[in-house]
Amino acid sequence: MKKSELTKLIESLGDDTEVDETISKSDLGKALASSGLTLDAFKSKMESDPNFKSFLDSEKDKHATKSLETWKTNNLQKMVDEEYKKQHPEADPKDTEIAKLKKQFENMQKESLKKDLTNKALKTMTEKKLPTDLVNFIVGQDEDSTNKNLETLEKIFNQHDEAIKTEILKNDTYKPGGQGGAEPTEEAVKGQINSLFGIKE
């Protein structure tokens, strides 16, 4: 019996299959019987000789691997293609074009809205003497959110201005009318601001 024939015989059997009858009916069984090597002796060798068992297992693994590769070659790509088609059904070219145009239109609307909101915000910020450099942080998704951001910015700057005025009055560095009722000079005001912020000239 050839090695390939023995391998094929072993591979065709399940792990829990009784091999007695199968082997005894095969050419191997007949060869064993004629050679004086009984089936029981063969089975005993499988169970007692690790090298013999390892050889049979490796042959079985080789055949299983080859069978799997053959199955992959014949079936796997087809299954992948079918699954891809399920997940990505082919759309009508008209529908695809309409979706593309719709997306472009939505983007144009967003850009137009952002431009309008930016212009309105700049106008309001200029009127209220707020720093226009912050306009990109003020413009929101819509007019309501932009207006809320403007209100928050104005509130913050008003609180900041009030804090500065309070600090100036607390330090008593500014007296309306100056000494003898004279208006404070630009230099005096500048000196007060520098003193408040710790700026050294």
Protein backbone atom coordinates (compact mmCIF):
# COMPACT_ATOMS: atom_id res chain seq x y z
CA MET A 1 0.00 0.00 0.00
CA LYS A 2 1.26 3.48 -0.87
CA LYS A 3 1.70 6.19 1.73
CA SER A 4 -0.88 8.37 -0.04
CA GLU A 5 -3.42 5.55 0.14
CA LEU A 6 -2.80 5.12 3.86
CA THR A 7 -3.12 8.87 4.42
CA LYS A 8 -6.34 9.03 2.47
CA LEU A 9 -7.78 6.17 4.49
CA ILE A 10 -6.83 7.77 7.82
CA GLU A 11 -8.10 11.22 6.80
CA SER A 12 -11.50 9.93 5.81
CA LEU A 13 -12.12 8.80 9.37
CA GLY A 14 -13.48 11.05 12.11
CA ASP A 15 -11.66 11.43 15.41
CA ASP A 16 -14.18 9.25 17.25
CA THR A 17 -14.70 6.70 14.48
CA GLU A 18 -13.98 3.04 15.18
CA VAL A 19 -11.25 2.10 12.73
CA ASP A 20 -11.34 -1.69 13.08
CA GLU A 21 -13.88 -2.49 10.45
CA THR A 22 -12.76 0.22 8.02
CA ILE A 23 -9.14 -0.84 8.11
CA SER A 24 -9.91 -4.53 8.00
CA LYS A 25 -11.90 -4.09 4.76
CA SER A 26 -9.26 -1.91 3.17
CA ASP A 27 -6.23 -2.96 1.19
CA LEU A 28 -4.21 -2.09 4.25
CA GLY A 29 -6.20 -4.55 6.37
CA LYS A 30 -5.71 -7.23 3.78
CA ALA A 31 -2.00 -6.46 3.53
CA LEU A 32 -1.67 -6.52 7.29
CA ALA A 33 -3.49 -9.82 7.49
CA SER A 34 -1.29 -11.35 4.82
CA SER A 35 1.86 -9.98 6.43
CA GLY A 36 0.96 -11.38 9.81
CA LEU A 37 0.48 -7.90 11.35
CA THR A 38 -3.00 -7.90 12.80
CA LEU A 39 -5.33 -4.93 13.07
CA ASP A 40 -5.05 -5.12 16.84
CA ALA A 41 -1.29 -4.91 16.56
CA PHE A 42 -1.61 -1.89 14.23
CA LYS A 43 -3.99 -0.16 16.66
CA SER A 44 -1.72 -1.00 19.54
CA LYS A 45 1.21 0.56 17.68
CA MET A 46 -0.85 3.72 17.12
CA GLU A 47 -1.63 3.94 20.82
CA SER A 48 1.77 2.98 22.17
CA ASP A 49 4.21 4.45 19.65
CA PRO A 50 4.15 8.28 19.80
CA ASN A 51 6.27 8.58 16.67
CA PHE A 52 3.92 6.38 14.66
CA LYS A 53 0.87 8.28 15.91
CA SER A 54 2.59 11.60 15.23
CA PHE A 55 3.35 10.49 11.67
CA LEU A 56 -0.28 9.54 11.03
CA ASP A 57 -1.52 12.82 12.58
CA SER A 58 0.85 14.90 10.46
CA GLU A 59 -0.33 13.14 7.33
CA LYS A 60 -3.92 13.79 8.32
CA ASP A 61 -3.12 17.49 8.98
CA LYS A 62 -1.45 17.82 5.58
CA HIS A 63 -4.52 16.45 3.86
CA ALA A 64 -6.84 18.65 5.92
CA THR A 65 -4.76 21.74 5.07
CA LYS A 66 -4.77 20.86 1.38
CA SER A 67 -8.53 20.28 1.47
CA LEU A 68 -9.05 23.66 3.17
CA GLU A 69 -6.91 25.47 0.61
CA THR A 70 -8.83 23.81 -2.21
CA TRP A 71 -12.12 24.85 -0.61
CA LYS A 72 -10.88 28.44 -0.21
CA THR A 73 -9.80 28.56 -3.85
CA ASN A 74 -13.15 27.27 -5.04
CA ASN A 75 -15.55 28.97 -2.63
CA LEU A 76 -14.12 31.76 -0.46
CA GLN A 77 -13.93 34.54 -3.05
CA LYS A 78 -17.48 33.83 -4.15
CA MET A 79 -18.70 34.10 -0.56
CA VAL A 80 -16.78 37.36 -0.03
CA ASP A 81 -18.26 38.82 -3.23
CA GLU A 82 -21.78 37.82 -2.22
CA GLU A 83 -21.39 39.35 1.24
CA TYR A 84 -19.98 42.55 -0.25
CA LYS A 85 -22.97 42.85 -2.57
CA LYS A 86 -25.31 42.41 0.40
CA GLN A 87 -23.61 45.18 2.33
CA HIS A 88 -23.08 47.45 -0.68
CA PRO A 89 -26.03 47.07 -3.00
CA GLU A 90 -25.46 48.65 -6.35
CA ALA A 91 -27.30 51.97 -6.54
CA ASP A 92 -28.90 53.42 -9.62
CA PRO A 93 -26.45 55.89 -11.25
CA LYS A 94 -29.19 58.54 -11.16
CA ASP A 95 -29.59 58.08 -7.41
CA THR A 96 -25.83 58.36 -6.93
CA GLU A 97 -25.70 61.59 -8.94
CA ILE A 98 -28.68 63.05 -7.07
CA ALA A 99 -27.05 62.22 -3.72
CA LYS A 100 -23.82 63.87 -4.89
CA LEU A 101 -25.63 67.04 -5.99
CA LYS A 102 -27.60 67.11 -2.75
CA LYS A 103 -24.37 66.92 -0.73
CA GLN A 104 -22.82 69.74 -2.78
CA PHE A 105 -25.93 71.89 -2.25
CA GLU A 106 -25.87 71.26 1.51
CA ASN A 107 -22.19 72.25 1.65
CA MET A 108 -22.91 75.45 -0.30
CA GLN A 109 -25.74 76.28 2.10
CA LYS A 110 -23.46 75.75 5.10
CA GLU A 111 -20.76 77.96 3.60
CA SER A 112 -23.28 80.68 2.77
CA LEU A 113 -24.76 80.57 6.28
CA LYS A 114 -21.31 80.74 7.85
CA LYS A 115 -20.41 83.75 5.71
CA ASP A 116 -23.64 85.56 6.68
CA LEU A 117 -23.19 84.76 10.36
CA THR A 118 -19.56 85.93 10.26
CA ASN A 119 -20.52 89.26 8.63
CA LYS A 120 -23.31 89.90 11.16
CA ALA A 121 -21.05 88.96 14.06
CA LEU A 122 -18.28 91.28 12.81
CA LYS A 123 -20.75 94.16 12.52
CA THR A 124 -22.09 93.61 16.06
CA MET A 125 -18.59 93.19 17.52
CA THR A 126 -17.43 96.42 15.85
CA GLU A 127 -20.46 98.33 17.16
CA LYS A 128 -19.92 97.02 20.70
CA LYS A 129 -16.15 97.55 20.53
CA LEU A 130 -15.40 93.88 21.03
CA PRO A 131 -12.22 92.35 19.55
CA THR A 132 -13.06 91.19 16.03
CA ASP A 133 -10.12 88.76 16.07
CA LEU A 134 -12.35 86.43 18.07
CA VAL A 135 -15.03 86.20 15.38
CA ASN A 136 -14.13 82.60 14.44
CA PHE A 137 -14.76 81.54 18.04
CA ILE A 138 -18.10 83.37 18.11
CA VAL A 139 -19.74 82.05 14.93
CA GLY A 140 -21.86 78.98 15.76
CA GLN A 141 -23.98 76.50 13.82
CA ASP A 142 -26.86 78.96 13.45
CA GLU A 143 -27.92 82.53 14.29
CA ASP A 144 -29.18 81.66 17.77
CA SER A 145 -25.94 80.02 18.89
CA THR A 146 -23.92 82.88 17.36
CA ASN A 147 -26.00 85.49 19.22
CA LYS A 148 -25.57 83.59 22.49
CA ASN A 149 -21.81 83.49 21.94
CA LEU A 150 -21.81 87.24 21.28
CA GLU A 151 -23.78 87.88 24.48
CA THR A 152 -21.34 85.75 26.47
CA LEU A 153 -18.33 87.58 25.00
CA GLU A 154 -19.89 90.98 25.71
CA LYS A 155 -20.70 89.94 29.28
CA ILE A 156 -17.12 88.76 29.86
CA PHE A 157 -15.63 92.00 28.55
CA ASN A 158 -18.08 94.14 30.55
CA GLN A 159 -17.16 92.24 33.71
CA HIS A 160 -13.50 92.73 32.87
CA ASP A 161 -13.99 96.48 32.35
CA GLU A 162 -15.88 96.74 35.64
CA ALA A 163 -13.11 94.89 37.44
CA ILE A 164 -10.52 97.32 36.05
CA LYS A 165 -12.60 100.36 37.05
CA THR A 166 -13.11 98.94 40.55
CA GLU A 167 -9.39 98.30 40.89
CA ILE A 168 -8.56 101.86 39.81
CA LEU A 169 -11.05 103.40 42.25
CA LYS A 170 -9.93 101.05 45.05
CA ASN A 171 -6.33 102.20 44.64
CA ASP A 172 -7.61 105.82 44.63
CA THR A 173 -5.21 106.58 41.82
CA TYR A 174 -7.77 108.40 39.74
CA LYS A 175 -9.62 111.45 41.00
CA PRO A 176 -12.16 113.05 38.69
CA GLY A 177 -11.14 116.56 37.79
CA GLY A 178 -7.61 116.01 39.05
CA GLN A 179 -5.96 118.46 41.43
CA GLY A 180 -7.61 121.86 41.51
CA GLY A 181 -10.34 120.61 39.12
CA ALA A 182 -7.94 120.26 36.17
CA GLU A 183 -8.56 117.44 33.69
CA PRO A 184 -6.08 114.55 34.01
CA THR A 185 -3.47 114.54 31.31
CA GLU A 186 -2.95 111.67 28.88
CA GLU A 187 0.37 111.00 30.55
CA ALA A 188 -1.26 110.73 33.97
CA VAL A 189 -3.91 108.28 32.70
CA LYS A 190 -1.26 106.24 30.92
CA GLY A 191 0.78 106.15 34.12
CA GLN A 192 -2.25 104.92 36.07
CA ILE A 193 -2.90 102.12 33.55
CA ASN A 194 0.76 101.10 33.52
CA SER A 195 0.77 101.07 37.30
CA LEU A 196 -2.40 98.97 37.40
CA PHE A 197 -1.06 96.36 35.02
CA GLY A 198 2.51 96.50 36.28
CA ILE A 199 3.92 97.79 33.00
CA LYS A 200 7.35 99.39 33.22
CA GLU A 201 8.31 101.85 30.57
